[in-house]
N, C-alpha and C. Protein backbone atom coordinates (compact mmCIF):
# COMPACT_ATOMS: atom_id res chain seq x y z
N ILE A 1 0.85 -1.18 0.00
CA ILE A 1 0.00 0.00 0.00
C ILE A 1 0.89 1.23 0.00
N VAL A 2 0.61 2.11 -0.92
CA VAL A 2 1.36 3.36 -1.03
C VAL A 2 0.56 4.46 -0.32
N PRO A 3 1.19 5.17 0.65
CA PRO A 3 0.45 6.23 1.34
C PRO A 3 0.10 7.38 0.39
N ARG A 4 -1.05 7.96 0.63
CA ARG A 4 -1.47 9.10 -0.19
C ARG A 4 -0.66 10.34 0.20
N PRO A 5 -0.33 11.18 -0.77
CA PRO A 5 0.40 12.41 -0.46
C PRO A 5 -0.53 13.49 0.10
N TYR A 6 -1.79 13.19 0.21
CA TYR A 6 -2.79 14.14 0.72
C TYR A 6 -3.76 13.36 1.59
N PRO A 7 -4.45 14.05 2.51
CA PRO A 7 -5.41 13.32 3.35
C PRO A 7 -6.60 12.82 2.54
N GLY A 8 -7.12 11.67 2.94
CA GLY A 8 -8.31 11.13 2.30
C GLY A 8 -9.52 11.97 2.64
N PRO A 9 -10.65 11.72 2.00
CA PRO A 9 -11.85 12.52 2.22
C PRO A 9 -12.36 12.47 3.66
N LEU A 10 -12.29 11.32 4.31
CA LEU A 10 -12.75 11.22 5.69
C LEU A 10 -11.85 12.03 6.61
N HIS A 11 -10.55 11.91 6.42
CA HIS A 11 -9.60 12.67 7.23
C HIS A 11 -9.78 14.18 7.02
N ALA A 12 -9.97 14.58 5.79
CA ALA A 12 -10.19 16.00 5.49
C ALA A 12 -11.46 16.51 6.18
N LEU A 13 -12.52 15.71 6.17
CA LEU A 13 -13.77 16.10 6.83
C LEU A 13 -13.59 16.23 8.33
N LEU A 14 -12.89 15.27 8.93
CA LEU A 14 -12.63 15.32 10.37
C LEU A 14 -11.80 16.54 10.74
N MET A 15 -10.81 16.85 9.93
CA MET A 15 -9.98 18.03 10.19
C MET A 15 -10.81 19.31 10.09
N LYS A 16 -11.71 19.36 9.11
CA LYS A 16 -12.56 20.53 8.93
C LYS A 16 -13.49 20.70 10.13
N GLU A 17 -14.08 19.59 10.59
CA GLU A 17 -14.98 19.65 11.75
C GLU A 17 -14.23 20.06 13.01
N ARG A 18 -13.02 19.54 13.18
CA ARG A 18 -12.21 19.89 14.36
C ARG A 18 -11.83 21.38 14.33
N ALA A 19 -11.49 21.89 13.17
CA ALA A 19 -11.15 23.30 13.04
C ALA A 19 -12.36 24.19 13.36
N GLU A 20 -13.53 23.79 12.89
CA GLU A 20 -14.75 24.56 13.17
C GLU A 20 -15.06 24.55 14.66
N LEU A 21 -14.90 23.41 15.30
CA LEU A 21 -15.12 23.31 16.74
C LEU A 21 -14.14 24.21 17.49
N ALA A 22 -12.89 24.23 17.06
CA ALA A 22 -11.89 25.09 17.70
C ALA A 22 -12.25 26.56 17.52
N ARG A 23 -12.71 26.94 16.34
CA ARG A 23 -13.12 28.33 16.10
C ARG A 23 -14.28 28.73 17.00
N LYS A 24 -15.27 27.85 17.12
CA LYS A 24 -16.42 28.14 17.98
C LYS A 24 -16.00 28.25 19.44
N THR A 25 -15.14 27.35 19.87
CA THR A 25 -14.68 27.37 21.26
C THR A 25 -13.86 28.62 21.53
N LEU A 26 -12.98 28.98 20.62
CA LEU A 26 -12.19 30.21 20.79
C LEU A 26 -13.10 31.43 20.83
N GLY A 27 -14.14 31.42 20.01
CA GLY A 27 -15.07 32.54 19.97
C GLY A 27 -15.87 32.69 21.25
N SER A 28 -16.07 31.59 21.97
CA SER A 28 -16.85 31.64 23.20
C SER A 28 -16.01 31.98 24.44
N MET A 29 -14.69 32.00 24.27
CA MET A 29 -13.80 32.29 25.41
C MET A 29 -13.78 33.77 25.72
N LYS A 30 -13.39 34.07 26.97
CA LYS A 30 -13.14 35.45 27.35
C LYS A 30 -11.98 35.95 26.49
N GLY A 31 -12.03 37.22 26.14
CA GLY A 31 -11.00 37.79 25.27
C GLY A 31 -9.60 37.62 25.80
N ALA A 32 -9.41 37.78 27.10
CA ALA A 32 -8.08 37.69 27.68
C ALA A 32 -7.51 36.28 27.54
N GLN A 33 -8.35 35.26 27.75
CA GLN A 33 -7.88 33.88 27.59
C GLN A 33 -7.54 33.59 26.14
N ARG A 34 -8.43 33.97 25.25
CA ARG A 34 -8.22 33.73 23.82
C ARG A 34 -6.96 34.44 23.33
N ASP A 35 -6.80 35.70 23.71
CA ASP A 35 -5.65 36.48 23.26
C ASP A 35 -4.33 35.88 23.76
N ALA A 36 -4.32 35.43 25.03
CA ALA A 36 -3.10 34.84 25.58
C ALA A 36 -2.76 33.54 24.86
N LEU A 37 -3.78 32.70 24.61
CA LEU A 37 -3.54 31.43 23.93
C LEU A 37 -3.03 31.66 22.51
N ILE A 38 -3.65 32.56 21.80
CA ILE A 38 -3.23 32.84 20.42
C ILE A 38 -1.82 33.42 20.38
N ALA A 39 -1.53 34.33 21.31
CA ALA A 39 -0.19 34.92 21.36
C ALA A 39 0.87 33.85 21.59
N HIS A 40 0.54 32.87 22.42
CA HIS A 40 1.50 31.82 22.74
C HIS A 40 1.55 30.75 21.64
N ALA A 41 0.39 30.20 21.28
CA ALA A 41 0.35 29.06 20.36
C ALA A 41 0.56 29.44 18.90
N VAL A 42 0.04 30.59 18.50
CA VAL A 42 0.11 30.98 17.08
C VAL A 42 1.28 31.93 16.83
N ASP A 43 1.38 32.97 17.67
CA ASP A 43 2.44 33.96 17.47
C ASP A 43 3.78 33.52 18.02
N GLY A 44 3.78 32.48 18.86
CA GLY A 44 5.03 31.94 19.38
C GLY A 44 5.65 32.73 20.51
N LEU A 45 4.88 33.60 21.16
CA LEU A 45 5.42 34.37 22.27
C LEU A 45 5.55 33.50 23.51
N LYS A 46 6.58 33.76 24.29
CA LYS A 46 6.77 33.05 25.55
C LYS A 46 5.88 33.70 26.61
N TYR A 47 5.62 32.96 27.68
CA TYR A 47 4.78 33.48 28.76
C TYR A 47 5.28 34.85 29.23
N ARG A 48 6.58 34.95 29.45
CA ARG A 48 7.16 36.21 29.96
C ARG A 48 6.94 37.35 28.97
N GLU A 49 7.07 37.06 27.69
CA GLU A 49 6.85 38.10 26.67
C GLU A 49 5.40 38.59 26.68
N ILE A 50 4.47 37.67 26.84
CA ILE A 50 3.06 38.05 26.91
C ILE A 50 2.81 38.88 28.16
N ALA A 51 3.37 38.45 29.28
CA ALA A 51 3.20 39.16 30.55
C ALA A 51 3.74 40.59 30.44
N GLU A 52 4.92 40.74 29.87
CA GLU A 52 5.51 42.08 29.72
C GLU A 52 4.70 42.93 28.75
N ARG A 53 4.25 42.34 27.66
CA ARG A 53 3.47 43.07 26.66
C ARG A 53 2.16 43.58 27.24
N ASP A 54 1.51 42.74 28.05
CA ASP A 54 0.19 43.09 28.57
C ASP A 54 0.22 43.68 29.97
N GLY A 55 1.41 43.78 30.56
CA GLY A 55 1.54 44.34 31.90
C GLY A 55 0.91 43.45 32.97
N LEU A 56 1.11 42.15 32.85
CA LEU A 56 0.50 41.18 33.77
C LEU A 56 1.58 40.38 34.48
N ALA A 57 1.18 39.75 35.57
CA ALA A 57 2.06 38.80 36.23
C ALA A 57 2.15 37.55 35.36
N ILE A 58 3.30 36.89 35.38
CA ILE A 58 3.47 35.70 34.54
C ILE A 58 2.49 34.61 34.96
N GLY A 59 2.16 34.53 36.23
CA GLY A 59 1.20 33.54 36.70
C GLY A 59 -0.18 33.75 36.10
N THR A 60 -0.56 35.00 35.89
CA THR A 60 -1.84 35.32 35.27
C THR A 60 -1.87 34.82 33.83
N VAL A 61 -0.79 35.04 33.13
CA VAL A 61 -0.69 34.57 31.74
C VAL A 61 -0.76 33.05 31.70
N MET A 62 -0.04 32.39 32.58
CA MET A 62 -0.04 30.93 32.62
C MET A 62 -1.44 30.40 32.91
N SER A 63 -2.13 31.05 33.84
CA SER A 63 -3.49 30.64 34.19
C SER A 63 -4.44 30.81 33.01
N ARG A 64 -4.36 31.93 32.34
CA ARG A 64 -5.24 32.18 31.19
C ARG A 64 -5.02 31.16 30.08
N ILE A 65 -3.77 30.86 29.79
CA ILE A 65 -3.46 29.89 28.74
C ILE A 65 -3.93 28.50 29.15
N ASN A 66 -3.72 28.14 30.41
CA ASN A 66 -4.16 26.83 30.89
C ASN A 66 -5.68 26.71 30.81
N LEU A 67 -6.41 27.73 31.21
CA LEU A 67 -7.87 27.70 31.14
C LEU A 67 -8.35 27.57 29.69
N ALA A 68 -7.71 28.29 28.80
CA ALA A 68 -8.09 28.23 27.38
C ALA A 68 -7.83 26.84 26.82
N ARG A 69 -6.69 26.25 27.15
CA ARG A 69 -6.37 24.89 26.68
C ARG A 69 -7.39 23.88 27.23
N THR A 70 -7.75 24.05 28.50
CA THR A 70 -8.71 23.14 29.12
C THR A 70 -10.05 23.22 28.40
N LYS A 71 -10.48 24.42 28.04
CA LYS A 71 -11.75 24.59 27.31
C LYS A 71 -11.69 23.93 25.95
N LEU A 72 -10.56 24.07 25.25
CA LEU A 72 -10.43 23.43 23.94
C LEU A 72 -10.47 21.91 24.06
N LYS A 73 -9.78 21.37 25.05
CA LYS A 73 -9.78 19.92 25.24
C LYS A 73 -11.18 19.41 25.61
N ALA A 74 -11.88 20.16 26.46
CA ALA A 74 -13.23 19.76 26.87
C ALA A 74 -14.17 19.78 25.67
N ALA A 75 -14.00 20.72 24.78
CA ALA A 75 -14.86 20.82 23.60
C ALA A 75 -14.65 19.63 22.67
N GLU A 76 -13.45 19.10 22.62
CA GLU A 76 -13.13 17.97 21.74
C GLU A 76 -13.66 16.65 22.30
N ALA A 77 -13.86 16.60 23.61
CA ALA A 77 -14.28 15.33 24.25
C ALA A 77 -15.70 14.96 23.94
C-alpha cells in the first residue's frame, strides 16, 4: 500500500470539523484567555513576553493559557 500524499476525504472532513469546533470554542472564550492562547500558540510568544506586553504577572498569563487549553480539550471530548 502506497500512502497518499494528501489526506483522504474522511480525514479532510474530520480536520474541517475539528477546526470549526476550535473556532467556535475560541469565539466563546473570554477575550483575555483567547488572546493569551493565540499569542503563545500561534504567534510563538513566551509566557514572559506576553506578561511584559500586557503588563501582567506571569502567573496570570499561565493561568489564562491553561484555562483556554482546558476549554479546547473539553470541547473535543
